[in-house]
Amino acid sequence: MKPIEFENGAVQIDASIVAEGLGLTPSLLRQEMQARRVTSLAERGVDADAGRHRLTFFSGHRRFRVVVDATGAIIQRTAVDFGDALLPKSARRPVDEA
């Protein structure tokens, strides 16, 4: 698998990219996702951003975002770490939207 692929309308991203962005090991990322302590949001670009996708991952204190083009190439990646403070609600997708 390439690091980021598109299949049947879904985006698949290599877990090691997300784990690194959130400061976790891949095995801990898997555990945190199963426990719903790591959530995600995928957005598709429109108008000037058509063909791009923004993938955002949220943990208790960190937000990691990747913007990719239509081929899956990473255009931008950013991470915000709020230290000891929990991620503000304004920066987190509510769990019930999963």
PDB file of N, CA and C in Angstrom:
ATOM      1  N   MET A   1       0.844  -1.193   0.000  1.00  0.00           N
ATOM      2  CA  MET A   1       0.000   0.000   0.000  1.00  0.00           C
ATOM      3  C   MET A   1       0.879   1.243   0.000  1.00  0.00           C
ATOM      4  N   LYS A   2       0.486   2.216  -0.816  1.00  0.00           N
ATOM      5  CA  LYS A   2       1.149   3.517  -0.787  1.00  0.00           C
ATOM      6  C   LYS A   2       0.746   4.211   0.511  1.00  0.00           C
ATOM      7  N   PRO A   3       1.492   5.234   0.933  1.00  0.00           N
ATOM      8  CA  PRO A   3       1.156   5.918   2.195  1.00  0.00           C
ATOM      9  C   PRO A   3      -0.294   6.419   2.261  1.00  0.00           C
ATOM     10  N   ILE A   4      -0.810   6.949   1.145  1.00  0.00           N
ATOM     11  CA  ILE A   4      -2.196   7.420   1.113  1.00  0.00           C
ATOM     12  C   ILE A   4      -2.809   6.979  -0.209  1.00  0.00           C
ATOM     13  N   GLU A   5      -3.948   6.287  -0.122  1.00  0.00           N
ATOM     14  CA  GLU A   5      -4.629   5.781  -1.311  1.00  0.00           C
ATOM     15  C   GLU A   5      -6.117   6.102  -1.242  1.00  0.00           C
ATOM     16  N   PHE A   6      -6.736   6.145  -2.408  1.00  0.00           N
ATOM     17  CA  PHE A   6      -8.174   6.346  -2.521  1.00  0.00           C
ATOM     18  C   PHE A   6      -8.772   5.072  -3.093  1.00  0.00           C
ATOM     19  N   GLU A   7      -9.809   4.556  -2.420  1.00  0.00           N
ATOM     20  CA  GLU A   7     -10.443   3.323  -2.881  1.00  0.00           C
ATOM     21  C   GLU A   7     -11.931   3.375  -2.584  1.00  0.00           C
ATOM     22  N   ASN A   8     -12.746   3.238  -3.621  1.00  0.00           N
ATOM     23  CA  ASN A   8     -14.205   3.233  -3.472  1.00  0.00           C
ATOM     24  C   ASN A   8     -14.716   4.430  -2.688  1.00  0.00           C
ATOM     25  N   GLY A   9     -14.171   5.610  -2.951  1.00  0.00           N
ATOM     26  CA  GLY A   9     -14.625   6.826  -2.284  1.00  0.00           C
ATOM     27  C   GLY A   9     -14.069   7.043  -0.890  1.00  0.00           C
ATOM     28  N   ALA A  10     -13.251   6.111  -0.405  1.00  0.00           N
ATOM     29  CA  ALA A  10     -12.665   6.236   0.934  1.00  0.00           C
ATOM     30  C   ALA A  10     -11.173   6.548   0.809  1.00  0.00           C
ATOM     31  N   VAL A  11     -10.649   7.197   1.814  1.00  0.00           N
ATOM     32  CA  VAL A  11      -9.225   7.510   1.867  1.00  0.00           C
ATOM     33  C   VAL A  11      -8.582   6.575   2.873  1.00  0.00           C
ATOM     34  N   GLN A  12      -7.498   5.933   2.472  1.00  0.00           N
ATOM     35  CA  GLN A  12      -6.750   5.060   3.378  1.00  0.00           C
ATOM     36  C   GLN A  12      -5.376   5.673   3.575  1.00  0.00           C
ATOM     37  N   ILE A  13      -4.961   5.795   4.835  1.00  0.00           N
ATOM     38  CA  ILE A  13      -3.670   6.378   5.155  1.00  0.00           C
ATOM     39  C   ILE A  13      -2.873   5.394   6.001  1.00  0.00           C
ATOM     40  N   ASP A  14      -1.607   5.299   5.732  1.00  0.00           N
ATOM     41  CA  ASP A  14      -0.725   4.412   6.490  1.00  0.00           C
ATOM     42  C   ASP A  14      -0.739   4.835   7.954  1.00  0.00           C
ATOM     43  N   ALA A  15      -0.958   3.885   8.841  1.00  0.00           N
ATOM     44  CA  ALA A  15      -1.063   4.175  10.277  1.00  0.00           C
ATOM     45  C   ALA A  15       0.204   4.806  10.835  1.00  0.00           C
ATOM     46  N   SER A  16       1.354   4.503  10.252  1.00  0.00           N
ATOM     47  CA  SER A  16       2.603   5.064  10.778  1.00  0.00           C
ATOM     48  C   SER A  16       2.657   6.580  10.590  1.00  0.00           C
ATOM     49  N   ILE A  17       2.027   7.102   9.541  1.00  0.00           N
ATOM     50  CA  ILE A  17       1.980   8.552   9.318  1.00  0.00           C
ATOM     51  C   ILE A  17       1.157   9.207  10.420  1.00  0.00           C
ATOM     52  N   VAL A  18       0.002   8.623  10.713  1.00  0.00           N
ATOM     53  CA  VAL A  18      -0.873   9.179  11.752  1.00  0.00           C
ATOM     54  C   VAL A  18      -0.232   9.038  13.121  1.00  0.00           C
ATOM     55  N   ALA A  19       0.342   7.878  13.388  1.00  0.00           N
ATOM     56  CA  ALA A  19       0.988   7.651  14.686  1.00  0.00           C
ATOM     57  C   ALA A  19       2.087   8.676  14.923  1.00  0.00           C
ATOM     58  N   GLU A  20       2.926   8.887  13.938  1.00  0.00           N
ATOM     59  CA  GLU A  20       4.006   9.864  14.070  1.00  0.00           C
ATOM     60  C   GLU A  20       3.449  11.270  14.313  1.00  0.00           C
ATOM     61  N   GLY A  21       2.415  11.630  13.571  1.00  0.00           N
ATOM     62  CA  GLY A  21       1.816  12.959  13.716  1.00  0.00           C
ATOM     63  C   GLY A  21       1.201  13.185  15.084  1.00  0.00           C
ATOM     64  N   LEU A  22       0.692  12.125  15.698  1.00  0.00           N
ATOM     65  CA  LEU A  22       0.078  12.242  17.023  1.00  0.00           C
ATOM     66  C   LEU A  22       1.065  11.921  18.146  1.00  0.00           C
ATOM     67  N   GLY A  23       2.299  11.561  17.776  1.00  0.00           N
ATOM     68  CA  GLY A  23       3.297  11.246  18.788  1.00  0.00           C
ATOM     69  C   GLY A  23       3.057   9.920  19.488  1.00  0.00           C
ATOM     70  N   LEU A  24       2.521   8.949  18.749  1.00  0.00           N
ATOM     71  CA  LEU A  24       2.212   7.627  19.299  1.00  0.00           C
ATOM     72  C   LEU A  24       2.942   6.549  18.513  1.00  0.00           C
ATOM     73  N   THR A  25       3.040   5.367  19.076  1.00  0.00           N
ATOM     74  CA  THR A  25       3.509   4.223  18.306  1.00  0.00           C
ATOM     75  C   THR A  25       2.323   3.693  17.506  1.00  0.00           C
ATOM     76  N   PRO A  26       2.566   3.003  16.392  1.00  0.00           N
ATOM     77  CA  PRO A  26       1.440   2.444  15.634  1.00  0.00           C
ATOM     78  C   PRO A  26       0.551   1.523  16.469  1.00  0.00           C
ATOM     79  N   SER A  27       1.132   0.720  17.358  1.00  0.00           N
ATOM     80  CA  SER A  27       0.297  -0.178  18.165  1.00  0.00           C
ATOM     81  C   SER A  27      -0.549   0.610  19.167  1.00  0.00           C
ATOM     82  N   LEU A  28       0.006   1.655  19.751  1.00  0.00           N
ATOM     83  CA  LEU A  28      -0.778   2.485  20.667  1.00  0.00           C
ATOM     84  C   LEU A  28      -1.863   3.246  19.904  1.00  0.00           C
ATOM     85  N   LEU A  29      -1.558   3.698  18.693  1.00  0.00           N
ATOM     86  CA  LEU A  29      -2.572   4.368  17.863  1.00  0.00           C
ATOM     87  C   LEU A  29      -3.760   3.443  17.652  1.00  0.00           C
ATOM     88  N   ARG A  30      -3.486   2.192  17.316  1.00  0.00           N
ATOM     89  CA  ARG A  30      -4.562   1.213  17.085  1.00  0.00           C
ATOM     90  C   ARG A  30      -5.426   1.052  18.343  1.00  0.00           C
ATOM     91  N   GLN A  31      -4.771   0.936  19.507  1.00  0.00           N
ATOM     92  CA  GLN A  31      -5.507   0.799  20.767  1.00  0.00           C
ATOM     93  C   GLN A  31      -6.358   2.044  21.049  1.00  0.00           C
ATOM     94  N   GLU A  32      -5.777   3.206  20.832  1.00  0.00           N
ATOM     95  CA  GLU A  32      -6.491   4.458  21.107  1.00  0.00           C
ATOM     96  C   GLU A  32      -7.674   4.640  20.150  1.00  0.00           C
ATOM     97  N   MET A  33      -7.520   4.205  18.899  1.00  0.00           N
ATOM     98  CA  MET A  33      -8.636   4.301  17.947  1.00  0.00           C
ATOM     99  C   MET A  33      -9.752   3.332  18.333  1.00  0.00           C
ATOM    100  N   GLN A  34      -9.389   2.125  18.751  1.00  0.00           N
ATOM    101  CA  GLN A  34     -10.403   1.153  19.162  1.00  0.00           C
ATOM    102  C   GLN A  34     -11.164   1.642  20.386  1.00  0.00           C
ATOM    103  N   ALA A  35     -10.483   2.363  21.272  1.00  0.00           N
ATOM    104  CA  ALA A  35     -11.119   2.907  22.478  1.00  0.00           C
ATOM    105  C   ALA A  35     -11.802   4.248  22.196  1.00  0.00           C
ATOM    106  N   ARG A  36     -11.751   4.708  20.945  1.00  0.00           N
ATOM    107  CA  ARG A  36     -12.356   5.978  20.509  1.00  0.00           C
ATOM    108  C   ARG A  36     -11.739   7.186  21.207  1.00  0.00           C
ATOM    109  N   ARG A  37     -10.476   7.065  21.598  1.00  0.00           N
ATOM    110  CA  ARG A  37      -9.751   8.208  22.155  1.00  0.00           C
ATOM    111  C   ARG A  37      -8.983   8.940  21.060  1.00  0.00           C
ATOM    112  N   VAL A  38      -8.896   8.341  19.890  1.00  0.00           N
ATOM    113  CA  VAL A  38      -8.390   9.001  18.687  1.00  0.00           C
ATOM    114  C   VAL A  38      -9.520   8.946  17.677  1.00  0.00           C
ATOM    115  N   THR A  39      -9.884  10.103  17.171  1.00  0.00           N
ATOM    116  CA  THR A  39     -10.950  10.180  16.173  1.00  0.00           C
ATOM    117  C   THR A  39     -10.404  10.886  14.940  1.00  0.00           C
ATOM    118  N   SER A  40     -11.180  10.869  13.875  1.00  0.00           N
ATOM    119  CA  SER A  40     -10.707  11.471  12.632  1.00  0.00           C
ATOM    120  C   SER A  40     -11.844  12.152  11.890  1.00  0.00           C
ATOM    121  N   LEU A  41     -11.445  12.991  10.963  1.00  0.00           N
ATOM    122  CA  LEU A  41     -12.387  13.710  10.117  1.00  0.00           C
ATOM    123  C   LEU A  41     -11.758  13.816   8.739  1.00  0.00           C
ATOM    124  N   ALA A  42     -12.492  13.439   7.693  1.00  0.00           N
ATOM    125  CA  ALA A  42     -12.007  13.549   6.316  1.00  0.00           C
ATOM    126  C   ALA A  42     -12.885  14.554   5.583  1.00  0.00           C
ATOM    127  N   GLU A  43     -12.238  15.505   4.928  1.00  0.00           N
ATOM    128  CA  GLU A  43     -12.963  16.539   4.184  1.00  0.00           C
ATOM    129  C   GLU A  43     -12.453  16.576   2.750  1.00  0.00           C
ATOM    130  N   ARG A  44     -13.368  16.762   1.822  1.00  0.00           N
ATOM    131  CA  ARG A  44     -13.050  16.818   0.394  1.00  0.00           C
ATOM    132  C   ARG A  44     -13.106  18.276  -0.050  1.00  0.00           C
ATOM    133  N   GLY A  45     -12.072  18.718  -0.760  1.00  0.00           N
ATOM    134  CA  GLY A  45     -12.017  20.101  -1.216  1.00  0.00           C
ATOM    135  C   GLY A  45     -13.050  20.409  -2.289  1.00  0.00           C
ATOM    136  N   VAL A  46     -13.497  21.654  -2.317  1.00  0.00           N
ATOM    137  CA  VAL A  46     -14.423  22.134  -3.343  1.00  0.00           C
ATOM    138  C   VAL A  46     -13.852  23.401  -3.970  1.00  0.00           C
ATOM    139  N   ASP A  47     -14.398  23.763  -5.107  1.00  0.00           N
ATOM    140  CA  ASP A  47     -13.993  24.964  -5.844  1.00  0.00           C
ATOM    141  C   ASP A  47     -12.479  24.985  -6.061  1.00  0.00           C
ATOM    142  N   ALA A  48     -11.777  25.961  -5.540  1.00  0.00           N
ATOM    143  CA  ALA A  48     -10.330  26.086  -5.757  1.00  0.00           C
ATOM    144  C   ALA A  48      -9.557  24.915  -5.152  1.00  0.00           C
ATOM    145  N   ASP A  49     -10.149  24.213  -4.188  1.00  0.00           N
ATOM    146  CA  ASP A  49      -9.489  23.081  -3.536  1.00  0.00           C
ATOM    147  C   ASP A  49      -9.973  21.729  -4.068  1.00  0.00           C
ATOM    148  N   ALA A  50     -10.707  21.724  -5.158  1.00  0.00           N
ATOM    149  CA  ALA A  50     -11.203  20.461  -5.725  1.00  0.00           C
ATOM    150  C   ALA A  50     -10.031  19.530  -5.997  1.00  0.00           C
ATOM    151  N   GLY A  51     -10.194  18.262  -5.662  1.00  0.00           N
ATOM    152  CA  GLY A  51      -9.147  17.270  -5.848  1.00  0.00           C
ATOM    153  C   GLY A  51      -8.264  17.092  -4.621  1.00  0.00           C
ATOM    154  N   ARG A  52      -8.419  17.982  -3.657  1.00  0.00           N
ATOM    155  CA  ARG A  52      -7.646  17.864  -2.421  1.00  0.00           C
ATOM    156  C   ARG A  52      -8.508  17.256  -1.325  1.00  0.00           C
ATOM    157  N   HIS A  53      -7.832  16.661  -0.349  1.00  0.00           N
ATOM    158  CA  HIS A  53      -8.501  16.078   0.809  1.00  0.00           C
ATOM    159  C   HIS A  53      -7.754  16.532   2.054  1.00  0.00           C
ATOM    160  N   ARG A  54      -8.502  16.871   3.096  1.00  0.00           N
ATOM    161  CA  ARG A  54      -7.899  17.233   4.378  1.00  0.00           C
ATOM    162  C   ARG A  54      -8.304  16.166   5.385  1.00  0.00           C
ATOM    163  N   LEU A  55      -7.311  15.488   5.934  1.00  0.00           N
ATOM    164  CA  LEU A  55      -7.528  14.419   6.902  1.00  0.00           C
ATOM    165  C   LEU A  55      -7.034  14.920   8.250  1.00  0.00           C
ATOM    166  N   THR A  56      -7.914  14.941   9.231  1.00  0.00           N
ATOM    167  CA  THR A  56      -7.561  15.458  10.548  1.00  0.00           C
ATOM    168  C   THR A  56      -7.780  14.360  11.577  1.00  0.00           C
ATOM    169  N   PHE A  57      -6.804  14.222  12.463  1.00  0.00           N
ATOM    170  CA  PHE A  57      -6.840  13.203  13.517  1.00  0.00           C
ATOM    171  C   PHE A  57      -6.719  13.903  14.859  1.00  0.00           C
ATOM    172  N   PHE A  58      -7.534  13.482  15.822  1.00  0.00           N
ATOM    173  CA  PHE A  58      -7.606  14.123  17.128  1.00  0.00           C
ATOM    174  C   PHE A  58      -7.274  13.118  18.224  1.00  0.00           C
ATOM    175  N   SER A  59      -6.444  13.529  19.165  1.00  0.00           N
ATOM    176  CA  SER A  59      -6.204  12.724  20.365  1.00  0.00           C
ATOM    177  C   SER A  59      -6.508  13.619  21.558  1.00  0.00           C
ATOM    178  N   GLY A  60      -6.260  13.142  22.765  1.00  0.00           N
ATOM    179  CA  GLY A  60      -6.594  13.913  23.957  1.00  0.00           C
ATOM    180  C   GLY A  60      -5.962  15.284  24.013  1.00  0.00           C
ATOM    181  N   HIS A  61      -4.749  15.422  23.501  1.00  0.00           N
ATOM    182  CA  HIS A  61      -4.044  16.697  23.607  1.00  0.00           C
ATOM    183  C   HIS A  61      -3.394  17.141  22.303  1.00  0.00           C
ATOM    184  N   ARG A  62      -3.669  16.461  21.220  1.00  0.00           N
ATOM    185  CA  ARG A  62      -2.974  16.750  19.970  1.00  0.00           C
ATOM    186  C   ARG A  62      -3.917  16.646  18.772  1.00  0.00           C
ATOM    187  N   ARG A  63      -3.681  17.530  17.803  1.00  0.00           N
ATOM    188  CA  ARG A  63      -4.401  17.468  16.531  1.00  0.00           C
ATOM    189  C   ARG A  63      -3.358  17.353  15.430  1.00  0.00           C
ATOM    190  N   PHE A  64      -3.550  16.395  14.514  1.00  0.00           N
ATOM    191  CA  PHE A  64      -2.655  16.188  13.386  1.00  0.00           C
ATOM    192  C   PHE A  64      -3.472  16.280  12.111  1.00  0.00           C
ATOM    193  N   ARG A  65      -2.978  17.062  11.146  1.00  0.00           N
ATOM    194  CA  ARG A  65      -3.722  17.269   9.901  1.00  0.00           C
ATOM    195  C   ARG A  65      -2.807  17.044   8.706  1.00  0.00           C
ATOM    196  N   VAL A  66      -3.345  16.354   7.696  1.00  0.00           N
ATOM    197  CA  VAL A  66      -2.634  16.101   6.443  1.00  0.00           C
ATOM    198  C   VAL A  66      -3.523  16.575   5.305  1.00  0.00           C
ATOM    199  N   VAL A  67      -2.965  17.353   4.392  1.00  0.00           N
ATOM    200  CA  VAL A  67      -3.669  17.749   3.174  1.00  0.00           C
ATOM    201  C   VAL A  67      -2.989  17.016   2.026  1.00  0.00           C
ATOM    202  N   VAL A  68      -3.788  16.324   1.211  1.00  0.00           N
ATOM    203  CA  VAL A  68      -3.244  15.548   0.096  1.00  0.00           C
ATOM    204  C   VAL A  68      -3.928  15.948  -1.200  1.00  0.00           C
ATOM    205  N   ASP A  69      -3.225  15.719  -2.317  1.00  0.00           N
ATOM    206  CA  ASP A  69      -3.837  15.983  -3.612  1.00  0.00           C
ATOM    207  C   ASP A  69      -4.540  14.726  -4.118  1.00  0.00           C
ATOM    208  N   ALA A  70      -5.071  14.790  -5.332  1.00  0.00           N
ATOM    209  CA  ALA A  70      -5.865  13.680  -5.879  1.00  0.00           C
ATOM    210  C   ALA A  70      -5.059  12.406  -6.072  1.00  0.00           C
ATOM    211  N   THR A  71      -3.734  12.507  -6.133  1.00  0.00           N
ATOM    212  CA  THR A  71      -2.896  11.315  -6.302  1.00  0.00           C
ATOM    213  C   THR A  71      -2.485  10.718  -4.956  1.00  0.00           C
ATOM    214  N   GLY A  72      -2.788  11.402  -3.861  1.00  0.00           N
ATOM    215  CA  GLY A  72      -2.400  10.935  -2.538  1.00  0.00           C
ATOM    216  C   GLY A  72      -1.092  11.532  -2.054  1.00  0.00           C
ATOM    217  N   ALA A  73      -0.510  12.427  -2.847  1.00  0.00           N
ATOM    218  CA  ALA A  73       0.739  13.083  -2.426  1.00  0.00           C
ATOM    219  C   ALA A  73       0.436  14.078  -1.308  1.00  0.00           C
ATOM    220  N   ILE A  74       1.253  14.057  -0.279  1.00  0.00           N
ATOM    221  CA  ILE A  74       1.065  14.980   0.846  1.00  0.00           C
ATOM    222  C   ILE A  74       1.513  16.375   0.438  1.00  0.00           C
ATOM    223  N   ILE A  75       0.597  17.330   0.564  1.00  0.00           N
ATOM    224  CA  ILE A  75       0.880  18.727   0.251  1.00  0.00           C
ATOM    225  C   ILE A  75       1.310  19.458   1.511  1.00  0.00           C
ATOM    226  N   GLN A  76       0.654  19.123   2.608  1.00  0.00           N
ATOM    227  CA  GLN A  76       0.928  19.816   3.870  1.00  0.00           C
ATOM    228  C   GLN A  76       0.614  18.877   5.030  1.00  0.00           C
ATOM    229  N   ARG A  77       1.400  18.980   6.094  1.00  0.00           N
ATOM    230  CA  ARG A  77       1.080  18.271   7.332  1.00  0.00           C
ATOM    231  C   ARG A  77       1.376  19.210   8.483  1.00  0.00           C
ATOM    232  N   THR A  78       0.456  19.237   9.444  1.00  0.00           N
ATOM    233  CA  THR A  78       0.624  20.095  10.609  1.00  0.00           C
ATOM    234  C   THR A  78       0.182  19.327  11.848  1.00  0.00           C
ATOM    235  N   ALA A  79       0.805  19.662  12.960  1.00  0.00           N
ATOM    236  CA  ALA A  79       0.430  19.065  14.237  1.00  0.00           C
ATOM    237  C   ALA A  79       0.421  20.171  15.278  1.00  0.00           C
ATOM    238  N   VAL A  80      -0.583  20.136  16.121  1.00  0.00           N
ATOM    239  CA  VAL A  80      -0.685  21.082  17.228  1.00  0.00           C
ATOM    240  C   VAL A  80      -0.742  20.250  18.503  1.00  0.00           C
ATOM    241  N   ASP A  81       0.166  20.539  19.417  1.00  0.00           N
ATOM    242  CA  ASP A  81       0.214  19.840  20.697  1.00  0.00           C
ATOM    243  C   ASP A  81      -0.139  20.846  21.783  1.00  0.00           C
ATOM    244  N   PHE A  82      -1.183  20.560  22.539  1.00  0.00           N
ATOM    245  CA  PHE A  82      -1.641  21.460  23.589  1.00  0.00           C
ATOM    246  C   PHE A  82      -1.015  21.136  24.938  1.00  0.00           C
ATOM    247  N   GLY A  83       0.055  20.332  24.925  1.00  0.00           N
ATOM    248  CA  GLY A  83       0.776  20.010  26.151  1.00  0.00           C
ATOM    249  C   GLY A  83      -0.087  19.248  27.138  1.00  0.00           C
ATOM    250  N   ASP A  84      -0.097  19.698  28.385  1.00  0.00           N
ATOM    251  CA  ASP A  84      -0.864  19.019  29.429  1.00  0.00           C
ATOM    252  C   ASP A  84      -2.358  19.291  29.338  1.00  0.00           C
ATOM    253  N   ALA A  85      -2.731  20.323  28.591  1.00  0.00           N
ATOM    254  CA  ALA A  85      -4.150  20.664  28.453  1.00  0.00           C
ATOM    255  C   ALA A  85      -4.800  19.738  27.423  1.00  0.00           C
ATOM    256  N   LEU A  86      -6.069  19.413  27.646  1.00  0.00           N
ATOM    257  CA  LEU A  86      -6.804  18.628  26.657  1.00  0.00           C
ATOM    258  C   LEU A  86      -7.073  19.481  25.435  1.00  0.00           C
ATOM    259  N   LEU A  87      -7.265  18.826  24.332  1.00  0.00           N
ATOM    260  CA  LEU A  87      -7.603  19.500  23.092  1.00  0.00           C
ATOM    261  C   LEU A  87      -8.890  20.288  23.302  1.00  0.00           C
ATOM    262  N   PRO A  88      -8.913  21.580  22.956  1.00  0.00           N
ATOM    263  CA  PRO A  88     -10.145  22.359  23.135  1.00  0.00           C
ATOM    264  C   PRO A  88     -11.294  21.773  22.315  1.00  0.00           C
ATOM    265  N   LYS A  89     -12.509  21.875  22.818  1.00  0.00           N
ATOM    266  CA  LYS A  89     -13.669  21.332  22.094  1.00  0.00           C
ATOM    267  C   LYS A  89     -13.780  21.930  20.698  1.00  0.00           C
ATOM    268  N   SER A  90     -13.360  23.186  20.534  1.00  0.00           N
ATOM    269  CA  SER A  90     -13.449  23.822  19.225  1.00  0.00           C
ATOM    270  C   SER A  90     -12.496  23.181  18.212  1.00  0.00           C
ATOM    271  N   ALA A  91     -11.508  22.439  18.682  1.00  0.00           N
ATOM    272  CA  ALA A  91     -10.539  21.795  17.799  1.00  0.00           C
ATOM    273  C   ALA A  91     -10.777  20.300  17.684  1.00  0.00           C
ATOM    274  N   ARG A  92     -11.885  19.813  18.173  1.00  0.00           N
ATOM    275  CA  ARG A  92     -12.154  18.370  18.181  1.00  0.00           C
ATOM    276  C   ARG A  92     -13.516  18.094  17.575  1.00  0.00           C
ATOM    277  N   ARG A  93     -13.575  17.030  16.804  1.00  0.00           N
ATOM    278  CA  ARG A  93     -14.852  16.577  16.281  1.00  0.00           C
ATOM    279  C   ARG A  93     -15.566  15.811  17.371  1.00  0.00           C
ATOM    280  N   PRO A  94     -16.828  16.100  17.639  1.00  0.00           N
ATOM    281  CA  PRO A  94     -17.553  15.353  18.671  1.00  0.00           C
ATOM    282  C   PRO A  94     -17.579  13.865  18.344  1.00  0.00           C
ATOM    283  N   VAL A  95     -17.422  13.022  19.340  1.00  0.00           N
ATOM    284  CA  VAL A  95     -17.388  11.566  19.163  1.00  0.00           C
ATOM    285  C   VAL A  95     -18.672  11.048  18.548  1.00  0.00           C
ATOM    286  N   ASP A  96     -19.809  11.662  18.845  1.00  0.00           N
ATOM    287  CA  ASP A  96     -21.079  11.145  18.326  1.00  0.00           C
ATOM    288  C   ASP A  96     -21.223  11.350  16.824  1.00  0.00           C
ATOM    289  N   GLU A  97     -20.301  12.067  16.162  1.00  0.00           N
ATOM    290  CA  GLU A  97     -20.349  12.230  14.701  1.00  0.00           C
ATOM    291  C   GLU A  97     -19.645  11.088  14.000  1.00  0.00           C
ATOM    292  N   ALA A  98     -19.056  10.162  14.727  1.00  0.00           N
ATOM    293  CA  ALA A  98     -18.276   9.070  14.115  1.00  0.00           C
ATOM    294  C   ALA A  98     -19.124   8.179  13.253  1.00  0.00           C
TER     295      ALA A  98
END
